[in-house]
Amino acid sequence: MGIFFFVIGLILGIARFSYGFKPDMLDFKMFAFYSSYLESKYLQMISNNMGEEFTGFFLIAGLFLVAFSRQKNEIALFNEFRLKAFFMTAYLNFLFLLFSLFFTFGFAFIYMLMFNMGFGLLIYSITFQILIYRNLKTSMIQ
């Protein structure tokens, strides 16, 4: 299910950000704590196209489900791999944020923060799978 959500998020993201796709059916009146476009609004109902929000939801939910799903053949050693992957993710996420802080400015920094919402989950999933692969490869050699 996580991969399915992630793929939907990718398709929506490409359609929205590469092709400017904003279907009218996603225009909703929403309550906003804070909204800033041409003017700032606080604690009001606003009209908003929810395309970006649905894209973010599917991407983050998909990555979350992939990252924290149990493996088909779960063994106790995988908990150690999960911890190692978590720490590696924390280090890489810290470096990514520092790099973004010092080398991106204006809206580019905001885009880096948006990317960072899913970056940790993606790095965690990749690191965890690499640790499993290395373990399987080592156990097959012995």
C-alpha atoms as a PDB file:
ATOM      1  CA  MET A   1       0.000   0.000   0.000  1.00  0.00           C
ATOM      2  CA  GLY A   2       2.906   2.353   0.769  1.00  0.00           C
ATOM      3  CA  ILE A   3       4.410   1.972  -2.691  1.00  0.00           C
ATOM      4  CA  PHE A   4       0.970   2.541  -4.223  1.00  0.00           C
ATOM      5  CA  PHE A   5       0.503   5.797  -2.245  1.00  0.00           C
ATOM      6  CA  PHE A   6       4.039   6.916  -3.093  1.00  0.00           C
ATOM      7  CA  VAL A   7       3.502   6.359  -6.834  1.00  0.00           C
ATOM      8  CA  ILE A   8       0.204   8.277  -6.714  1.00  0.00           C
ATOM      9  CA  GLY A   9       2.040  11.121  -4.957  1.00  0.00           C
ATOM     10  CA  LEU A  10       4.780  11.115  -7.599  1.00  0.00           C
ATOM     11  CA  ILE A  11       2.239  11.232 -10.423  1.00  0.00           C
ATOM     12  CA  LEU A  12       0.298  14.040  -8.733  1.00  0.00           C
ATOM     13  CA  GLY A  13       3.530  15.943  -8.026  1.00  0.00           C
ATOM     14  CA  ILE A  14       4.742  15.690 -11.616  1.00  0.00           C
ATOM     15  CA  ALA A  15       1.315  16.701 -12.938  1.00  0.00           C
ATOM     16  CA  ARG A  16       1.100  19.653 -10.552  1.00  0.00           C
ATOM     17  CA  PHE A  17       4.633  21.024 -10.577  1.00  0.00           C
ATOM     18  CA  SER A  18       5.820  20.121 -14.081  1.00  0.00           C
ATOM     19  CA  TYR A  19       2.595  20.665 -16.010  1.00  0.00           C
ATOM     20  CA  GLY A  20       0.700  23.126 -13.766  1.00  0.00           C
ATOM     21  CA  PHE A  21      -2.243  20.733 -13.391  1.00  0.00           C
ATOM     22  CA  LYS A  22      -4.747  22.197 -10.888  1.00  0.00           C
ATOM     23  CA  PRO A  23      -8.154  20.536 -11.306  1.00  0.00           C
ATOM     24  CA  ASP A  24     -11.143  22.625 -10.212  1.00  0.00           C
ATOM     25  CA  MET A  25     -12.565  19.670  -8.276  1.00  0.00           C
ATOM     26  CA  LEU A  26      -9.756  20.189  -5.730  1.00  0.00           C
ATOM     27  CA  ASP A  27     -10.832  23.778  -4.951  1.00  0.00           C
ATOM     28  CA  PHE A  28     -12.152  23.850  -1.387  1.00  0.00           C
ATOM     29  CA  LYS A  29     -12.989  26.381   1.281  1.00  0.00           C
ATOM     30  CA  MET A  30     -10.647  25.541   4.139  1.00  0.00           C
ATOM     31  CA  PHE A  31     -10.026  26.904   7.605  1.00  0.00           C
ATOM     32  CA  ALA A  32      -6.529  28.367   7.790  1.00  0.00           C
ATOM     33  CA  PHE A  33      -4.570  29.225  10.912  1.00  0.00           C
ATOM     34  CA  TYR A  34      -2.331  31.338   8.701  1.00  0.00           C
ATOM     35  CA  SER A  35      -2.336  31.976   4.963  1.00  0.00           C
ATOM     36  CA  SER A  36      -0.071  34.299   3.027  1.00  0.00           C
ATOM     37  CA  TYR A  37      -0.458  34.840  -0.710  1.00  0.00           C
ATOM     38  CA  LEU A  38      -1.143  38.400  -1.777  1.00  0.00           C
ATOM     39  CA  GLU A  39      -2.270  39.266   1.731  1.00  0.00           C
ATOM     40  CA  SER A  40      -1.878  37.572   5.101  1.00  0.00           C
ATOM     41  CA  LYS A  41      -4.943  36.014   6.719  1.00  0.00           C
ATOM     42  CA  TYR A  42      -5.266  34.576  10.202  1.00  0.00           C
ATOM     43  CA  LEU A  43      -7.890  32.142  11.524  1.00  0.00           C
ATOM     44  CA  GLN A  44     -10.167  32.489   8.487  1.00  0.00           C
ATOM     45  CA  MET A  45     -11.857  30.411   5.842  1.00  0.00           C
ATOM     46  CA  ILE A  46      -9.918  30.629   2.575  1.00  0.00           C
ATOM     47  CA  SER A  47     -10.401  29.228  -0.898  1.00  0.00           C
ATOM     48  CA  ASN A  48      -7.558  26.890  -1.820  1.00  0.00           C
ATOM     49  CA  ASN A  49      -6.699  24.296  -4.443  1.00  0.00           C
ATOM     50  CA  MET A  50      -5.652  21.237  -2.438  1.00  0.00           C
ATOM     51  CA  GLY A  51      -3.482  19.691  -5.202  1.00  0.00           C
ATOM     52  CA  GLU A  52      -0.206  20.336  -3.380  1.00  0.00           C
ATOM     53  CA  GLU A  53      -1.609  19.101  -0.076  1.00  0.00           C
ATOM     54  CA  PHE A  54      -2.882  15.826  -1.578  1.00  0.00           C
ATOM     55  CA  THR A  55       0.454  15.353  -3.337  1.00  0.00           C
ATOM     56  CA  GLY A  56       2.308  15.828  -0.056  1.00  0.00           C
ATOM     57  CA  PHE A  57      -0.091  13.527   1.777  1.00  0.00           C
ATOM     58  CA  PHE A  58       0.332  10.652  -0.675  1.00  0.00           C
ATOM     59  CA  LEU A  59       4.115  11.033  -0.819  1.00  0.00           C
ATOM     60  CA  ILE A  60       4.620  11.225   2.943  1.00  0.00           C
ATOM     61  CA  ALA A  61       2.008   8.575   3.812  1.00  0.00           C
ATOM     62  CA  GLY A  62       3.460   6.234   1.197  1.00  0.00           C
ATOM     63  CA  LEU A  63       7.013   6.693   2.448  1.00  0.00           C
ATOM     64  CA  PHE A  64       5.860   6.258   6.047  1.00  0.00           C
ATOM     65  CA  LEU A  65       4.101   2.996   5.244  1.00  0.00           C
ATOM     66  CA  VAL A  66       7.124   1.700   3.324  1.00  0.00           C
ATOM     67  CA  ALA A  67       9.561   2.738   6.062  1.00  0.00           C
ATOM     68  CA  PHE A  68       7.691   1.220   8.992  1.00  0.00           C
ATOM     69  CA  SER A  69       6.137  -1.897   7.510  1.00  0.00           C
ATOM     70  CA  ARG A  70       7.298  -5.249   8.785  1.00  0.00           C
ATOM     71  CA  GLN A  71       9.334  -7.357   6.380  1.00  0.00           C
ATOM     72  CA  LYS A  72       7.859 -10.544   4.976  1.00  0.00           C
ATOM     73  CA  ASN A  73      10.504 -12.641   6.753  1.00  0.00           C
ATOM     74  CA  GLU A  74      11.077 -10.477   9.842  1.00  0.00           C
ATOM     75  CA  ILE A  75      13.908 -11.584  12.153  1.00  0.00           C
ATOM     76  CA  ALA A  76      15.178 -10.089  15.430  1.00  0.00           C
ATOM     77  CA  LEU A  77      18.327  -8.756  13.722  1.00  0.00           C
ATOM     78  CA  PHE A  78      16.167  -6.364  11.702  1.00  0.00           C
ATOM     79  CA  ASN A  79      15.509  -4.291  14.843  1.00  0.00           C
ATOM     80  CA  GLU A  80      19.243  -3.583  15.035  1.00  0.00           C
ATOM     81  CA  PHE A  81      19.188  -2.613  11.345  1.00  0.00           C
ATOM     82  CA  ARG A  82      16.231  -0.307  11.983  1.00  0.00           C
ATOM     83  CA  LEU A  83      18.158   1.475  14.743  1.00  0.00           C
ATOM     84  CA  LYS A  84      21.275   1.849  12.569  1.00  0.00           C
ATOM     85  CA  ALA A  85      19.130   3.160   9.701  1.00  0.00           C
ATOM     86  CA  PHE A  86      17.450   5.619  12.066  1.00  0.00           C
ATOM     87  CA  PHE A  87      20.764   7.061  13.253  1.00  0.00           C
ATOM     88  CA  MET A  88      22.170   7.248   9.722  1.00  0.00           C
ATOM     89  CA  THR A  89      19.012   9.082   8.666  1.00  0.00           C
ATOM     90  CA  ALA A  90      19.356  11.556  11.536  1.00  0.00           C
ATOM     91  CA  TYR A  91      22.954  12.362  10.511  1.00  0.00           C
ATOM     92  CA  LEU A  92      22.128  12.726   6.816  1.00  0.00           C
ATOM     93  CA  ASN A  93      19.032  14.798   7.551  1.00  0.00           C
ATOM     94  CA  PHE A  94      21.096  17.118   9.748  1.00  0.00           C
ATOM     95  CA  LEU A  95      23.687  17.559   6.964  1.00  0.00           C
ATOM     96  CA  PHE A  96      20.943  18.168   4.395  1.00  0.00           C
ATOM     97  CA  LEU A  97      19.362  20.864   6.566  1.00  0.00           C
ATOM     98  CA  LEU A  98      22.714  22.573   7.190  1.00  0.00           C
ATOM     99  CA  PHE A  99      23.514  22.513   3.477  1.00  0.00           C
ATOM    100  CA  SER A 100      20.051  23.934   2.695  1.00  0.00           C
ATOM    101  CA  LEU A 101      20.397  26.645   5.313  1.00  0.00           C
ATOM    102  CA  PHE A 102      23.712  27.952   4.005  1.00  0.00           C
ATOM    103  CA  PHE A 103      23.372  27.399   0.246  1.00  0.00           C
ATOM    104  CA  THR A 104      19.703  27.980  -0.667  1.00  0.00           C
ATOM    105  CA  PHE A 105      17.810  31.225  -0.259  1.00  0.00           C
ATOM    106  CA  GLY A 106      14.296  32.620  -0.655  1.00  0.00           C
ATOM    107  CA  PHE A 107      11.692  30.275  -2.082  1.00  0.00           C
ATOM    108  CA  ALA A 108      14.415  27.747  -2.907  1.00  0.00           C
ATOM    109  CA  PHE A 109      14.899  27.246   0.840  1.00  0.00           C
ATOM    110  CA  ILE A 110      11.151  26.715   1.276  1.00  0.00           C
ATOM    111  CA  TYR A 111      11.282  24.082  -1.480  1.00  0.00           C
ATOM    112  CA  MET A 112      14.184  22.383   0.300  1.00  0.00           C
ATOM    113  CA  LEU A 113      12.124  22.288   3.507  1.00  0.00           C
ATOM    114  CA  MET A 114       9.215  20.776   1.581  1.00  0.00           C
ATOM    115  CA  PHE A 115      11.559  18.163   0.111  1.00  0.00           C
ATOM    116  CA  ASN A 116      12.919  17.493   3.593  1.00  0.00           C
ATOM    117  CA  MET A 117       9.475  16.362   4.803  1.00  0.00           C
ATOM    118  CA  GLY A 118       9.900  13.100   2.926  1.00  0.00           C
ATOM    119  CA  PHE A 119      13.702  12.975   2.720  1.00  0.00           C
ATOM    120  CA  GLY A 120      14.141  11.325   6.113  1.00  0.00           C
ATOM    121  CA  LEU A 121      11.640   8.573   5.391  1.00  0.00           C
ATOM    122  CA  LEU A 122      13.214   7.932   2.003  1.00  0.00           C
ATOM    123  CA  ILE A 123      16.765   7.768   3.394  1.00  0.00           C
ATOM    124  CA  TYR A 124      15.609   5.534   6.254  1.00  0.00           C
ATOM    125  CA  SER A 125      13.940   3.084   3.849  1.00  0.00           C
ATOM    126  CA  ILE A 126      16.959   2.965   1.530  1.00  0.00           C
ATOM    127  CA  THR A 127      19.448   2.557   4.393  1.00  0.00           C
ATOM    128  CA  PHE A 128      17.379  -0.202   5.998  1.00  0.00           C
ATOM    129  CA  GLN A 129      17.130  -2.111   2.718  1.00  0.00           C
ATOM    130  CA  ILE A 130      20.892  -1.775   2.133  1.00  0.00           C
ATOM    131  CA  LEU A 131      21.579  -3.200   5.610  1.00  0.00           C
ATOM    132  CA  ILE A 132      19.263  -6.145   4.920  1.00  0.00           C
ATOM    133  CA  TYR A 133      20.882  -6.726   1.513  1.00  0.00           C
ATOM    134  CA  ARG A 134      24.383  -6.699   3.025  1.00  0.00           C
ATOM    135  CA  ASN A 135      23.302  -9.175   5.704  1.00  0.00           C
ATOM    136  CA  LEU A 136      21.738 -11.511   3.143  1.00  0.00           C
ATOM    137  CA  LYS A 137      24.801 -11.244   0.911  1.00  0.00           C
ATOM    138  CA  THR A 138      27.139 -11.982   3.830  1.00  0.00           C
ATOM    139  CA  SER A 139      25.050 -14.937   5.046  1.00  0.00           C
ATOM    140  CA  MET A 140      24.937 -16.400   1.506  1.00  0.00           C
ATOM    141  CA  ILE A 141      28.735 -16.257   1.210  1.00  0.00           C
ATOM    142  CA  GLN A 142      29.279 -18.088   4.507  1.00  0.00           C
END
